[in-house]
């Protein structure tokens, strides 16, 4: 069954990025991408993804080429240059687009790549199934929050990967 998953990393004090959108604190941490709850086994199960405009802009600014091969939806009201193949811009409500994402994912999962507010919109509509968090041994004091919503979760699994404590949670219904 296809799941909609928020897979992300956070500082110990619950921030995804610094106030100026930097991820330097995250990218300097030791992690095994093929290890427990690592990126490689996770992305192998992803068939479609969604992100907000800030995450999309960060990828444009920091990646030489578009890093994904699966269909992607960017929820935005901003103007961007023409997107890479497979990327769709939308200003529509997540509820109206979610079915398209599930269909595109086939028997794989939908990954909510980044943006706590966007993930919160999926959660508000009961469309979020799991939250996977990689906790980095860093505190930031301020920045973009992990998820600016109240959400009750059930712990499913834990792991240790490099410097990260990893938790997988199911959204309590």
Protein backbone atom coordinates (compact mmCIF):
# COMPACT_ATOMS: atom_id res chain seq x y z
CA UNK A 1 0.00 0.00 0.00
CA UNK A 2 1.32 3.41 -0.95
CA UNK A 3 2.13 5.62 2.03
CA UNK A 4 2.64 9.38 2.20
CA UNK A 5 5.79 9.91 4.25
CA UNK A 6 7.56 12.94 5.66
CA UNK A 7 11.23 11.88 5.68
CA UNK A 8 13.55 14.57 6.99
CA UNK A 9 16.32 15.55 9.36
CA UNK A 10 16.08 18.00 12.22
CA UNK A 11 18.23 19.58 14.87
CA UNK A 12 17.68 18.34 18.42
CA UNK A 13 15.65 21.46 19.12
CA UNK A 14 13.32 20.80 16.19
CA UNK A 15 14.50 22.96 13.30
CA UNK A 16 14.90 21.91 9.66
CA UNK A 17 17.07 24.86 8.67
CA UNK A 18 18.58 27.99 10.17
CA UNK A 19 16.68 31.30 9.90
CA UNK A 20 18.65 32.03 6.68
CA UNK A 21 17.74 28.57 5.23
CA UNK A 22 21.22 27.08 5.72
CA UNK A 23 21.66 23.31 5.99
CA UNK A 24 25.41 23.45 6.68
CA UNK A 25 24.78 22.09 10.18
CA UNK A 26 23.18 19.00 8.61
CA UNK A 27 25.53 18.37 5.72
CA UNK A 28 28.58 18.27 8.03
CA UNK A 29 27.26 15.30 10.06
CA UNK A 30 28.49 11.72 9.65
CA UNK A 31 25.82 9.42 8.22
CA UNK A 32 25.77 6.19 6.20
CA UNK A 33 23.32 6.78 3.32
CA UNK A 34 22.95 3.00 2.91
CA UNK A 35 22.64 2.39 6.66
CA UNK A 36 19.67 2.01 8.99
CA UNK A 37 16.84 4.36 7.98
CA UNK A 38 19.29 5.91 5.51
CA UNK A 39 18.48 7.83 2.37
CA UNK A 40 19.36 5.09 -0.13
CA UNK A 41 16.98 2.40 1.15
CA UNK A 42 14.31 5.06 1.68
CA UNK A 43 14.51 6.63 -1.80
CA UNK A 44 14.43 3.18 -3.43
CA UNK A 45 10.84 2.90 -2.20
CA UNK A 46 9.71 6.33 -3.40
CA UNK A 47 7.59 6.68 -6.55
CA UNK A 48 6.60 10.36 -6.37
CA UNK A 49 7.49 13.38 -4.29
CA UNK A 50 6.25 16.79 -3.23
CA UNK A 51 7.98 19.88 -1.93
CA UNK A 52 7.39 23.53 -1.31
CA UNK A 53 8.93 26.46 -3.14
CA UNK A 54 11.72 27.04 -0.59
CA UNK A 55 12.92 23.43 -0.82
CA UNK A 56 12.75 23.57 -4.60
CA UNK A 57 14.76 26.82 -4.64
CA UNK A 58 17.34 25.29 -2.29
CA UNK A 59 17.77 22.34 -4.66
CA UNK A 60 18.16 24.69 -7.65
CA UNK A 61 20.78 26.69 -5.76
CA UNK A 62 22.77 23.72 -4.40
CA UNK A 63 22.49 20.84 -6.88
CA UNK A 64 24.23 20.79 -10.26
CA UNK A 65 21.36 18.87 -11.82
CA UNK A 66 17.88 17.80 -10.75
CA UNK A 67 18.49 14.91 -8.32
CA UNK A 68 15.26 12.92 -8.81
CA UNK A 69 13.95 10.63 -11.54
CA UNK A 70 10.41 10.18 -10.20
CA UNK A 71 7.51 12.60 -10.78
CA UNK A 72 7.63 15.65 -8.51
CA UNK A 73 5.11 18.30 -7.52
CA UNK A 74 6.27 21.71 -6.33
CA UNK A 75 3.57 23.52 -4.37
CA UNK A 76 4.18 27.18 -5.07
CA UNK A 77 2.75 30.54 -5.99
CA UNK A 78 6.19 31.82 -7.03
CA UNK A 79 7.42 32.17 -10.59
CA UNK A 80 10.29 29.86 -11.55
CA UNK A 81 12.12 29.16 -14.79
CA UNK A 82 10.75 26.17 -16.74
CA UNK A 83 11.11 23.05 -14.58
CA UNK A 84 13.21 19.96 -15.23
CA UNK A 85 11.42 17.00 -16.85
CA UNK A 86 8.96 15.33 -14.49
CA UNK A 87 8.49 18.40 -12.28
CA UNK A 88 5.04 19.98 -12.07
CA UNK A 89 4.30 23.34 -10.45
CA UNK A 90 0.96 23.70 -8.70
CA UNK A 91 -0.80 26.27 -6.59
CA UNK A 92 -3.68 23.88 -5.91
CA UNK A 93 -4.69 22.49 -2.55
CA UNK A 94 -2.76 19.37 -1.50
CA UNK A 95 -6.03 17.46 -1.18
CA UNK A 96 -6.78 17.87 -4.86
CA UNK A 97 -3.30 16.83 -5.99
CA UNK A 98 -2.71 13.94 -3.59
CA UNK A 99 -4.63 11.43 -5.74
CA UNK A 100 -2.45 12.27 -8.75
CA UNK A 101 0.65 11.75 -6.64
CA UNK A 102 -0.58 8.37 -5.39
CA UNK A 103 -1.36 7.26 -8.95
CA UNK A 104 2.07 8.37 -10.16
CA UNK A 105 3.79 6.55 -7.28
CA UNK A 106 2.21 3.23 -8.26
CA UNK A 107 3.13 0.65 -5.63
CA UNK A 108 5.81 2.90 -4.12
CA UNK A 109 5.53 5.68 -1.54
CA UNK A 110 5.00 9.43 -1.83
CA UNK A 111 7.76 11.46 -0.16
CA UNK A 112 7.03 14.89 1.27
CA UNK A 113 10.56 16.19 0.81
CA UNK A 114 10.64 19.35 2.81
CA UNK A 115 8.81 22.17 4.37
CA UNK A 116 7.03 21.68 7.65
CA UNK A 117 4.16 23.93 6.57
CA UNK A 118 3.50 21.92 3.40
CA UNK A 119 3.63 18.69 5.39
CA UNK A 120 1.24 20.27 7.86
CA UNK A 121 -1.26 20.85 5.04
CA UNK A 122 -1.15 17.13 4.18
CA UNK A 123 -1.56 16.28 7.89
CA UNK A 124 -4.49 18.70 8.25
CA UNK A 125 -6.34 16.77 5.54
CA UNK A 126 -5.52 13.33 6.99
CA UNK A 127 -3.18 12.51 4.08
CA UNK A 128 0.05 11.96 6.05
CA UNK A 129 0.79 8.35 7.03
CA UNK A 130 4.30 8.36 8.51
CA UNK A 131 7.00 10.70 9.77
CA UNK A 132 10.65 9.59 9.61
CA UNK A 133 13.02 11.92 11.46
CA UNK A 134 16.82 11.82 11.58
CA UNK A 135 17.86 13.79 14.69
CA UNK A 136 21.24 15.54 14.30
CA UNK A 137 23.37 16.27 17.39
CA UNK A 138 23.05 20.02 16.88
CA UNK A 139 20.87 22.76 18.34
CA UNK A 140 20.05 25.82 16.25
CA UNK A 141 17.97 27.96 18.59
CA UNK A 142 15.76 29.22 15.76
CA UNK A 143 14.81 28.52 12.18
CA UNK A 144 12.25 26.59 10.16
CA UNK A 145 10.33 24.25 12.51
CA UNK A 146 10.12 20.51 11.89
CA UNK A 147 6.33 20.55 11.76
CA UNK A 148 4.33 23.59 12.87
CA UNK A 149 1.30 21.51 13.85
CA UNK A 150 0.17 19.34 16.68
CA UNK A 151 0.38 15.75 15.51
CA UNK A 152 0.05 12.58 17.57
CA UNK A 153 2.42 9.83 16.47
CA UNK A 154 3.06 6.18 17.34
CA UNK A 155 6.69 5.05 17.41
CA UNK A 156 7.27 2.24 14.90
CA UNK A 157 11.07 1.89 14.74
CA UNK A 158 14.33 3.46 15.94
CA UNK A 159 17.89 3.25 14.64
CA UNK A 160 21.34 4.75 15.04
CA UNK A 161 23.07 5.90 11.84
CA UNK A 162 26.37 7.77 12.09
CA UNK A 163 25.75 10.81 14.29
CA UNK A 164 21.98 10.51 13.88
CA UNK A 165 19.28 9.06 16.08
CA UNK A 166 16.53 7.97 13.69
CA UNK A 167 12.85 7.50 14.46
CA UNK A 168 10.01 6.23 12.33
CA UNK A 169 6.49 7.15 13.44
CA UNK A 170 3.01 6.31 12.22
CA UNK A 171 0.44 9.09 12.34
CA UNK A 172 -2.14 8.22 15.01
CA UNK A 173 -5.64 8.35 13.60
